[in-house]
Amino acid sequence: MSEWDELDAFGRLLMQDVRDRAIREMFGQLRDGGAGPLPDELLQHVSPADLPAVRNLIVKAVDQSIGGYLWLMYDMDNGDQRFAMFGRSGTSLASVSDGIHTEPWAAGGWIEKYSEFPMKKAGDD
């Protein structure tokens, strides 16, 4: 597996097992109620008219968190590598990309290729 393949596999895992899972769980709780990451007191105040905006906020919050994590990976690769993430080849995943913190959102990026929630307003579905 090439270094680019390792980076791409990491991106697929991050999109499907982290991004999509978090969004799916919160959308499900928003739709069905019950236990989950959203506090019950918040859910009591969400009207049907608010749902598109709330879904959009959920996606933006998850994406901000992923962006922060990828920025940290970028910083670690350019400084203290005690916490760098490496592929099987032994190469730092952040060093394979010229900007790992932009990989999800670039044209043809990880979100477009792997996510069940493409770059659109979450309320459009």
C-alpha atoms as a PDB file:
ATOM      1  CA  MET A   1       0.000   0.000   0.000  1.00  0.00           C
ATOM      2  CA  SER A   2       1.462   3.376  -0.994  1.00  0.00           C
ATOM      3  CA  GLU A   3       1.665   6.335   1.371  1.00  0.00           C
ATOM      4  CA  TRP A   4      -1.172   8.012  -0.575  1.00  0.00           C
ATOM      5  CA  ASP A   5      -3.283   4.866  -0.197  1.00  0.00           C
ATOM      6  CA  GLU A   6      -2.611   4.918   3.552  1.00  0.00           C
ATOM      7  CA  LEU A   7      -3.673   8.568   3.753  1.00  0.00           C
ATOM      8  CA  ASP A   8      -6.791   7.829   1.723  1.00  0.00           C
ATOM      9  CA  ALA A   9      -7.657   4.834   3.943  1.00  0.00           C
ATOM     10  CA  PHE A  10      -7.276   7.075   6.993  1.00  0.00           C
ATOM     11  CA  GLY A  11      -9.581   9.643   5.374  1.00  0.00           C
ATOM     12  CA  ARG A  12     -12.207   6.998   4.613  1.00  0.00           C
ATOM     13  CA  LEU A  13     -12.056   5.738   8.221  1.00  0.00           C
ATOM     14  CA  LEU A  14     -12.289   9.265   9.622  1.00  0.00           C
ATOM     15  CA  MET A  15     -15.272  10.137   7.418  1.00  0.00           C
ATOM     16  CA  GLN A  16     -17.243   6.931   7.879  1.00  0.00           C
ATOM     17  CA  ASP A  17     -16.403   5.869  11.436  1.00  0.00           C
ATOM     18  CA  VAL A  18     -16.090   9.282  13.047  1.00  0.00           C
ATOM     19  CA  ARG A  19     -17.869  11.988  11.012  1.00  0.00           C
ATOM     20  CA  ASP A  20     -20.799   9.978   9.650  1.00  0.00           C
ATOM     21  CA  ARG A  21     -21.313   8.070  12.882  1.00  0.00           C
ATOM     22  CA  ALA A  22     -21.450  11.241  14.997  1.00  0.00           C
ATOM     23  CA  ILE A  23     -23.824  12.972  12.580  1.00  0.00           C
ATOM     24  CA  ARG A  24     -26.026   9.877  12.220  1.00  0.00           C
ATOM     25  CA  GLU A  25     -26.292   9.422  16.003  1.00  0.00           C
ATOM     26  CA  MET A  26     -27.220  13.057  16.625  1.00  0.00           C
ATOM     27  CA  PHE A  27     -29.664  13.186  13.692  1.00  0.00           C
ATOM     28  CA  GLY A  28     -31.277  10.004  15.026  1.00  0.00           C
ATOM     29  CA  GLN A  29     -31.644  11.440  18.502  1.00  0.00           C
ATOM     30  CA  LEU A  30     -33.037  14.635  17.050  1.00  0.00           C
ATOM     31  CA  ARG A  31     -35.578  12.637  15.037  1.00  0.00           C
ATOM     32  CA  ASP A  32     -36.458   9.901  17.554  1.00  0.00           C
ATOM     33  CA  GLY A  33     -35.511  11.320  20.955  1.00  0.00           C
ATOM     34  CA  GLY A  34     -34.038   9.030  23.563  1.00  0.00           C
ATOM     35  CA  ALA A  35     -30.556   8.745  24.955  1.00  0.00           C
ATOM     36  CA  GLY A  36     -27.698  10.283  23.050  1.00  0.00           C
ATOM     37  CA  PRO A  37     -25.174  13.107  22.973  1.00  0.00           C
ATOM     38  CA  LEU A  38     -27.772  15.902  22.779  1.00  0.00           C
ATOM     39  CA  PRO A  39     -29.189  17.025  26.136  1.00  0.00           C
ATOM     40  CA  ASP A  40     -32.932  16.394  26.635  1.00  0.00           C
ATOM     41  CA  GLU A  41     -33.476  20.010  27.671  1.00  0.00           C
ATOM     42  CA  LEU A  42     -32.202  21.152  24.272  1.00  0.00           C
ATOM     43  CA  LEU A  43     -34.402  18.702  22.396  1.00  0.00           C
ATOM     44  CA  GLN A  44     -37.497  19.967  24.226  1.00  0.00           C
ATOM     45  CA  HIS A  45     -36.991  23.400  22.689  1.00  0.00           C
ATOM     46  CA  VAL A  46     -36.477  22.334  19.070  1.00  0.00           C
ATOM     47  CA  SER A  47     -39.519  22.857  16.887  1.00  0.00           C
ATOM     48  CA  PRO A  48     -40.025  21.196  13.485  1.00  0.00           C
ATOM     49  CA  ALA A  49     -39.225  24.539  11.876  1.00  0.00           C
ATOM     50  CA  ASP A  50     -35.855  24.551  13.678  1.00  0.00           C
ATOM     51  CA  LEU A  51     -34.769  21.100  12.477  1.00  0.00           C
ATOM     52  CA  PRO A  52     -32.930  22.164   9.282  1.00  0.00           C
ATOM     53  CA  ALA A  53     -30.891  24.764  11.191  1.00  0.00           C
ATOM     54  CA  VAL A  54     -30.117  22.339  14.015  1.00  0.00           C
ATOM     55  CA  ARG A  55     -29.014  19.628  11.564  1.00  0.00           C
ATOM     56  CA  ASN A  56     -26.801  22.179   9.837  1.00  0.00           C
ATOM     57  CA  LEU A  57     -25.262  23.131  13.195  1.00  0.00           C
ATOM     58  CA  ILE A  58     -24.610  19.489  14.017  1.00  0.00           C
ATOM     59  CA  VAL A  59     -22.728  18.959  10.750  1.00  0.00           C
ATOM     60  CA  LYS A  60     -20.749  22.177  11.203  1.00  0.00           C
ATOM     61  CA  ALA A  61     -19.818  21.274  14.801  1.00  0.00           C
ATOM     62  CA  VAL A  62     -18.645  17.791  13.806  1.00  0.00           C
ATOM     63  CA  ASP A  63     -16.664  19.236  10.884  1.00  0.00           C
ATOM     64  CA  GLN A  64     -15.071  21.882  13.123  1.00  0.00           C
ATOM     65  CA  SER A  65     -13.937  19.143  15.508  1.00  0.00           C
ATOM     66  CA  ILE A  66     -12.461  17.079  12.683  1.00  0.00           C
ATOM     67  CA  GLY A  67     -10.747  20.168  11.284  1.00  0.00           C
ATOM     68  CA  GLY A  68      -9.231  20.902  14.691  1.00  0.00           C
ATOM     69  CA  TYR A  69      -7.961  17.344  14.988  1.00  0.00           C
ATOM     70  CA  LEU A  70      -6.418  17.446  11.506  1.00  0.00           C
ATOM     71  CA  TRP A  71      -4.809  20.813  12.255  1.00  0.00           C
ATOM     72  CA  LEU A  72      -3.286  19.246  15.375  1.00  0.00           C
ATOM     73  CA  MET A  73      -1.933  16.391  13.220  1.00  0.00           C
ATOM     74  CA  TYR A  74      -0.425  18.987  10.866  1.00  0.00           C
ATOM     75  CA  ASP A  75       1.177  20.887  13.760  1.00  0.00           C
ATOM     76  CA  MET A  76       2.540  17.704  15.307  1.00  0.00           C
ATOM     77  CA  ASP A  77       4.099  16.713  12.007  1.00  0.00           C
ATOM     78  CA  ASN A  78       5.844  20.075  11.781  1.00  0.00           C
ATOM     79  CA  GLY A  79       7.175  20.039  15.323  1.00  0.00           C
ATOM     80  CA  ASP A  80       6.881  17.645  18.208  1.00  0.00           C
ATOM     81  CA  GLN A  81       6.226  14.199  16.738  1.00  0.00           C
ATOM     82  CA  ARG A  82       5.536  12.453  20.057  1.00  0.00           C
ATOM     83  CA  PHE A  83       1.884  12.282  19.033  1.00  0.00           C
ATOM     84  CA  ALA A  84       2.150  11.963  15.257  1.00  0.00           C
ATOM     85  CA  MET A  85       0.058   9.307  13.490  1.00  0.00           C
ATOM     86  CA  PHE A  86       1.936   6.969  11.187  1.00  0.00           C
ATOM     87  CA  GLY A  87       0.801   4.613   8.445  1.00  0.00           C
ATOM     88  CA  ARG A  88       2.061   1.062   8.038  1.00  0.00           C
ATOM     89  CA  SER A  89       4.857   2.375   5.857  1.00  0.00           C
ATOM     90  CA  GLY A  90       6.216   4.289   8.849  1.00  0.00           C
ATOM     91  CA  THR A  91       5.491   7.660   7.258  1.00  0.00           C
ATOM     92  CA  SER A  92       3.574  10.310   9.150  1.00  0.00           C
ATOM     93  CA  LEU A  93       0.130  10.602   7.557  1.00  0.00           C
ATOM     94  CA  ALA A  94       0.236  14.395   7.885  1.00  0.00           C
ATOM     95  CA  SER A  95       3.500  14.544   5.914  1.00  0.00           C
ATOM     96  CA  VAL A  96       1.947  12.740   2.935  1.00  0.00           C
ATOM     97  CA  SER A  97      -0.485  15.610   2.378  1.00  0.00           C
ATOM     98  CA  ASP A  98       0.486  19.192   1.648  1.00  0.00           C
ATOM     99  CA  GLY A  99      -2.316  20.233   4.025  1.00  0.00           C
ATOM    100  CA  ILE A 100      -4.013  17.363   5.847  1.00  0.00           C
ATOM    101  CA  HIS A 101      -6.376  19.822   7.534  1.00  0.00           C
ATOM    102  CA  THR A 102      -7.926  20.586   4.111  1.00  0.00           C
ATOM    103  CA  GLU A 103      -8.273  17.010   2.798  1.00  0.00           C
ATOM    104  CA  PRO A 104     -11.941  16.493   3.793  1.00  0.00           C
ATOM    105  CA  TRP A 105     -13.227  19.672   2.134  1.00  0.00           C
ATOM    106  CA  ALA A 106     -11.148  19.853  -1.044  1.00  0.00           C
ATOM    107  CA  ALA A 107     -12.752  19.107  -4.408  1.00  0.00           C
ATOM    108  CA  GLY A 108     -12.674  15.319  -4.636  1.00  0.00           C
ATOM    109  CA  GLY A 109     -11.849  15.243  -0.922  1.00  0.00           C
ATOM    110  CA  TRP A 110     -12.763  12.733   1.729  1.00  0.00           C
ATOM    111  CA  ILE A 111     -16.264  14.053   2.364  1.00  0.00           C
ATOM    112  CA  GLU A 112     -17.142  13.933  -1.317  1.00  0.00           C
ATOM    113  CA  LYS A 113     -15.625  10.487  -1.761  1.00  0.00           C
ATOM    114  CA  TYR A 114     -16.601   8.705   1.455  1.00  0.00           C
ATOM    115  CA  SER A 115     -19.237  10.467   3.527  1.00  0.00           C
ATOM    116  CA  GLU A 116     -22.946   9.723   3.463  1.00  0.00           C
ATOM    117  CA  PHE A 117     -23.426  13.407   4.357  1.00  0.00           C
ATOM    118  CA  PRO A 118     -22.017  15.385   1.410  1.00  0.00           C
ATOM    119  CA  MET A 119     -21.109  19.046   1.512  1.00  0.00           C
ATOM    120  CA  LYS A 120     -24.542  20.571   1.386  1.00  0.00           C
ATOM    121  CA  LYS A 121     -26.834  22.104   3.909  1.00  0.00           C
ATOM    122  CA  ALA A 122     -27.787  19.325   6.289  1.00  0.00           C
ATOM    123  CA  GLY A 123     -31.347  20.636   6.248  1.00  0.00           C
ATOM    124  CA  ASP A 124     -31.666  19.903   2.522  1.00  0.00           C
ATOM    125  CA  ASP A 125     -32.329  16.204   3.052  1.00  0.00           C
END
